[in-house]
Every structure is written in C-alpha cells, then in structure tokens.
Amino acid sequence: MPQVTYVLLTKGKTAAVRDFFSFMAFGMGGTVLSGVGQFGKTLVMRSCFGFAWNLASSQPVDMPAFDAALDRLPK
C-alpha cells in the first residue's frame, strides 16, 4: 500500500492513523484533486499488476524434469 510507505517515510514513528486517512483523502499535494489522482494511479497500477499476474500464471508451462520425477512416484 503506497500510502503506508509514504506516510511512514515522511512522518516516521510519529505517524498516526489520521495521517493515513489524510493521505488517502488529500494525496501528496494536500488537495482533494491530489487524493483523487493518487487513488486513480493506485487503481490503475493494481489493475495492471492483477492482469499481468493472471496472464502469466495462466500460461502452460512445460517442466519435463518435474514430470519425470512425478512419474516415478508410486500412485
């Protein structure tokens, strides 16, 4: 979660829960527009990552070494 990283890097041990909510509402620029922009960037990045993860994990993978080892196991 980018807001946790940003708030902890800027506030350190003095960070409070209100700082996290403030970042989610007002972003790095301190305005509502900045908060909306940050939310949009986060949504796009997470969506792209999810798409890439699902695409990569759904591809067939040929692993002959594993297949040979599994064939030797008793059934």
N, C-alpha and C. Protein backbone atom coordinates (compact mmCIF):
# COMPACT_ATOMS: atom_id res chain seq x y z
N MET A 1 0.84 -1.17 0.00
CA MET A 1 0.00 0.00 0.00
C MET A 1 0.89 1.24 0.00
N PRO A 2 0.80 2.02 -1.04
CA PRO A 2 1.70 3.16 -1.15
C PRO A 2 1.50 4.20 -0.06
N GLN A 3 0.28 4.35 0.45
CA GLN A 3 0.08 5.38 1.47
C GLN A 3 0.82 5.04 2.74
N VAL A 4 0.92 3.76 3.09
CA VAL A 4 1.64 3.38 4.30
C VAL A 4 3.11 3.74 4.14
N THR A 5 3.70 3.41 3.02
CA THR A 5 5.11 3.71 2.78
C THR A 5 5.36 5.21 2.81
N TYR A 6 4.55 5.98 2.10
CA TYR A 6 4.76 7.43 2.04
C TYR A 6 4.62 8.07 3.42
N VAL A 7 3.58 7.70 4.13
CA VAL A 7 3.36 8.32 5.45
C VAL A 7 4.47 7.93 6.41
N LEU A 8 4.88 6.68 6.40
CA LEU A 8 5.94 6.27 7.32
C LEU A 8 7.28 6.91 6.96
N LEU A 9 7.55 7.08 5.67
CA LEU A 9 8.80 7.73 5.28
C LEU A 9 8.81 9.21 5.63
N THR A 10 7.65 9.85 5.59
CA THR A 10 7.61 11.29 5.88
C THR A 10 7.40 11.58 7.36
N LYS A 11 6.64 10.74 8.06
CA LYS A 11 6.32 11.01 9.47
C LYS A 11 7.09 10.14 10.45
N GLY A 12 7.50 8.96 10.00
CA GLY A 12 8.24 8.06 10.88
C GLY A 12 7.38 7.53 12.02
N LYS A 13 7.99 7.44 13.21
CA LYS A 13 7.29 6.87 14.36
C LYS A 13 6.16 7.76 14.87
N THR A 14 6.14 9.00 14.44
CA THR A 14 5.09 9.91 14.92
C THR A 14 3.82 9.80 14.09
N ALA A 15 3.80 8.93 13.09
CA ALA A 15 2.62 8.77 12.24
C ALA A 15 1.44 8.24 13.05
N ALA A 16 0.27 8.81 12.80
CA ALA A 16 -0.95 8.37 13.44
C ALA A 16 -1.93 7.88 12.37
N VAL A 17 -2.98 7.24 12.81
CA VAL A 17 -3.98 6.71 11.87
C VAL A 17 -4.57 7.85 11.04
N ARG A 18 -4.76 9.01 11.66
CA ARG A 18 -5.32 10.14 10.92
C ARG A 18 -4.41 10.56 9.76
N ASP A 19 -3.09 10.36 9.90
CA ASP A 19 -2.17 10.69 8.81
C ASP A 19 -2.42 9.80 7.59
N PHE A 20 -2.73 8.54 7.82
CA PHE A 20 -3.02 7.63 6.71
C PHE A 20 -4.31 8.02 6.01
N PHE A 21 -5.34 8.33 6.79
CA PHE A 21 -6.61 8.76 6.20
C PHE A 21 -6.46 10.10 5.48
N SER A 22 -5.66 10.98 6.05
CA SER A 22 -5.42 12.27 5.41
C SER A 22 -4.73 12.08 4.06
N PHE A 23 -3.77 11.18 4.00
CA PHE A 23 -3.09 10.91 2.74
C PHE A 23 -4.05 10.32 1.72
N MET A 24 -4.92 9.41 2.17
CA MET A 24 -5.88 8.81 1.24
C MET A 24 -6.86 9.84 0.71
N ALA A 25 -7.21 10.82 1.52
CA ALA A 25 -8.18 11.84 1.10
C ALA A 25 -7.53 12.96 0.30
N PHE A 26 -6.31 13.35 0.67
CA PHE A 26 -5.70 14.55 0.08
C PHE A 26 -4.40 14.29 -0.69
N GLY A 27 -3.94 13.03 -0.75
CA GLY A 27 -2.76 12.70 -1.53
C GLY A 27 -1.50 13.41 -1.06
N MET A 28 -0.49 13.43 -1.90
CA MET A 28 0.79 14.06 -1.54
C MET A 28 0.73 15.57 -1.64
N GLY A 29 -0.18 16.08 -2.47
CA GLY A 29 -0.27 17.52 -2.66
C GLY A 29 -1.13 18.23 -1.64
N GLY A 30 -1.89 17.49 -0.85
CA GLY A 30 -2.73 18.10 0.17
C GLY A 30 -4.05 18.62 -0.33
N THR A 31 -4.43 18.30 -1.57
CA THR A 31 -5.72 18.74 -2.11
C THR A 31 -6.56 17.51 -2.44
N VAL A 32 -7.86 17.74 -2.55
CA VAL A 32 -8.75 16.63 -2.91
C VAL A 32 -8.41 16.10 -4.30
N LEU A 33 -8.05 16.99 -5.22
CA LEU A 33 -7.66 16.57 -6.56
C LEU A 33 -6.42 15.67 -6.52
N SER A 34 -5.48 16.00 -5.65
CA SER A 34 -4.29 15.17 -5.49
C SER A 34 -4.66 13.80 -4.95
N GLY A 35 -5.60 13.77 -4.01
CA GLY A 35 -6.06 12.49 -3.46
C GLY A 35 -6.75 11.63 -4.51
N VAL A 36 -7.58 12.27 -5.34
CA VAL A 36 -8.27 11.54 -6.42
C VAL A 36 -7.25 11.01 -7.43
N GLY A 37 -6.26 11.84 -7.75
CA GLY A 37 -5.21 11.41 -8.67
C GLY A 37 -4.41 10.24 -8.12
N GLN A 38 -4.09 10.29 -6.84
CA GLN A 38 -3.34 9.20 -6.19
C GLN A 38 -4.17 7.93 -6.20
N PHE A 39 -5.48 8.06 -5.91
CA PHE A 39 -6.37 6.89 -5.95
C PHE A 39 -6.41 6.30 -7.35
N GLY A 40 -6.51 7.15 -8.36
CA GLY A 40 -6.55 6.68 -9.74
C GLY A 40 -5.27 5.96 -10.13
N LYS A 41 -4.12 6.53 -9.76
CA LYS A 41 -2.85 5.87 -10.08
C LYS A 41 -2.75 4.51 -9.40
N THR A 42 -3.17 4.46 -8.12
CA THR A 42 -3.11 3.19 -7.38
C THR A 42 -4.03 2.16 -8.03
N LEU A 43 -5.23 2.58 -8.41
CA LEU A 43 -6.18 1.66 -9.03
C LEU A 43 -5.64 1.12 -10.36
N VAL A 44 -5.06 1.99 -11.16
CA VAL A 44 -4.51 1.56 -12.45
C VAL A 44 -3.33 0.61 -12.24
N MET A 45 -2.44 0.95 -11.32
CA MET A 45 -1.27 0.08 -11.09
C MET A 45 -1.69 -1.29 -10.58
N ARG A 46 -2.62 -1.33 -9.65
CA ARG A 46 -3.08 -2.62 -9.12
C ARG A 46 -3.82 -3.43 -10.17
N SER A 47 -4.61 -2.76 -11.01
CA SER A 47 -5.32 -3.46 -12.07
C SER A 47 -4.35 -4.05 -13.09
N CYS A 48 -3.35 -3.27 -13.48
CA CYS A 48 -2.34 -3.76 -14.43
C CYS A 48 -1.55 -4.92 -13.84
N PHE A 49 -1.20 -4.82 -12.56
CA PHE A 49 -0.48 -5.92 -11.93
C PHE A 49 -1.34 -7.18 -11.90
N GLY A 50 -2.62 -7.03 -11.53
CA GLY A 50 -3.51 -8.18 -11.49
C GLY A 50 -3.67 -8.83 -12.86
N PHE A 51 -3.81 -8.00 -13.89
CA PHE A 51 -3.92 -8.52 -15.24
C PHE A 51 -2.65 -9.28 -15.64
N ALA A 52 -1.49 -8.68 -15.38
CA ALA A 52 -0.22 -9.32 -15.74
C ALA A 52 -0.02 -10.62 -14.96
N TRP A 53 -0.37 -10.61 -13.68
CA TRP A 53 -0.23 -11.81 -12.85
C TRP A 53 -1.12 -12.93 -13.38
N ASN A 54 -2.37 -12.61 -13.67
CA ASN A 54 -3.29 -13.62 -14.17
C ASN A 54 -2.87 -14.13 -15.54
N LEU A 55 -2.39 -13.23 -16.39
CA LEU A 55 -1.93 -13.64 -17.71
C LEU A 55 -0.73 -14.57 -17.59
N ALA A 56 0.24 -14.20 -16.77
CA ALA A 56 1.44 -15.01 -16.63
C ALA A 56 1.15 -16.35 -15.97
N SER A 57 0.26 -16.38 -14.99
CA SER A 57 0.00 -17.63 -14.27
C SER A 57 -0.93 -18.57 -15.04
N SER A 58 -1.56 -18.10 -16.09
CA SER A 58 -2.46 -18.96 -16.85
C SER A 58 -1.77 -19.59 -18.06
N GLN A 59 -0.51 -19.27 -18.28
CA GLN A 59 0.21 -19.82 -19.43
C GLN A 59 0.66 -21.24 -19.13
N PRO A 60 0.57 -22.14 -20.13
CA PRO A 60 1.06 -23.51 -19.91
C PRO A 60 2.58 -23.51 -19.77
N VAL A 61 3.06 -24.26 -18.80
CA VAL A 61 4.49 -24.32 -18.53
C VAL A 61 4.93 -25.78 -18.69
N ASP A 62 5.93 -26.00 -19.52
CA ASP A 62 6.46 -27.34 -19.74
C ASP A 62 7.66 -27.55 -18.82
N MET A 63 7.54 -28.51 -17.89
CA MET A 63 8.63 -28.79 -16.95
C MET A 63 8.94 -30.28 -16.99
N PRO A 64 9.73 -30.73 -17.95
CA PRO A 64 9.99 -32.17 -18.10
C PRO A 64 10.69 -32.79 -16.90
N ALA A 65 11.54 -32.04 -16.21
CA ALA A 65 12.24 -32.60 -15.05
C ALA A 65 11.24 -32.93 -13.94
N PHE A 66 10.31 -32.05 -13.70
CA PHE A 66 9.30 -32.30 -12.68
C PHE A 66 8.36 -33.43 -13.10
N ASP A 67 7.98 -33.46 -14.36
CA ASP A 67 7.10 -34.51 -14.85
C ASP A 67 7.74 -35.88 -14.70
N ALA A 68 9.03 -35.98 -15.00
CA ALA A 68 9.74 -37.27 -14.87
C ALA A 68 9.80 -37.69 -13.40
N ALA A 69 10.07 -36.75 -12.51
CA ALA A 69 10.14 -37.08 -11.08
C ALA A 69 8.77 -37.50 -10.54
N LEU A 70 7.72 -36.84 -10.99
CA LEU A 70 6.37 -37.20 -10.54
C LEU A 70 5.92 -38.55 -11.09
N ASP A 71 6.37 -38.89 -12.29
CA ASP A 71 6.02 -40.19 -12.88
C ASP A 71 6.64 -41.34 -12.11
N ARG A 72 7.78 -41.11 -11.45
CA ARG A 72 8.45 -42.18 -10.69
C ARG A 72 7.81 -42.43 -9.33
N LEU A 73 7.00 -41.52 -8.85
CA LEU A 73 6.36 -41.68 -7.55
C LEU A 73 5.29 -42.77 -7.61
N PRO A 74 5.14 -43.54 -6.51
CA PRO A 74 4.08 -44.57 -6.51
C PRO A 74 2.72 -43.90 -6.52
N LYS A 75 1.82 -44.56 -7.23
CA LYS A 75 0.46 -43.99 -7.36
C LYS A 75 -0.50 -44.63 -6.41
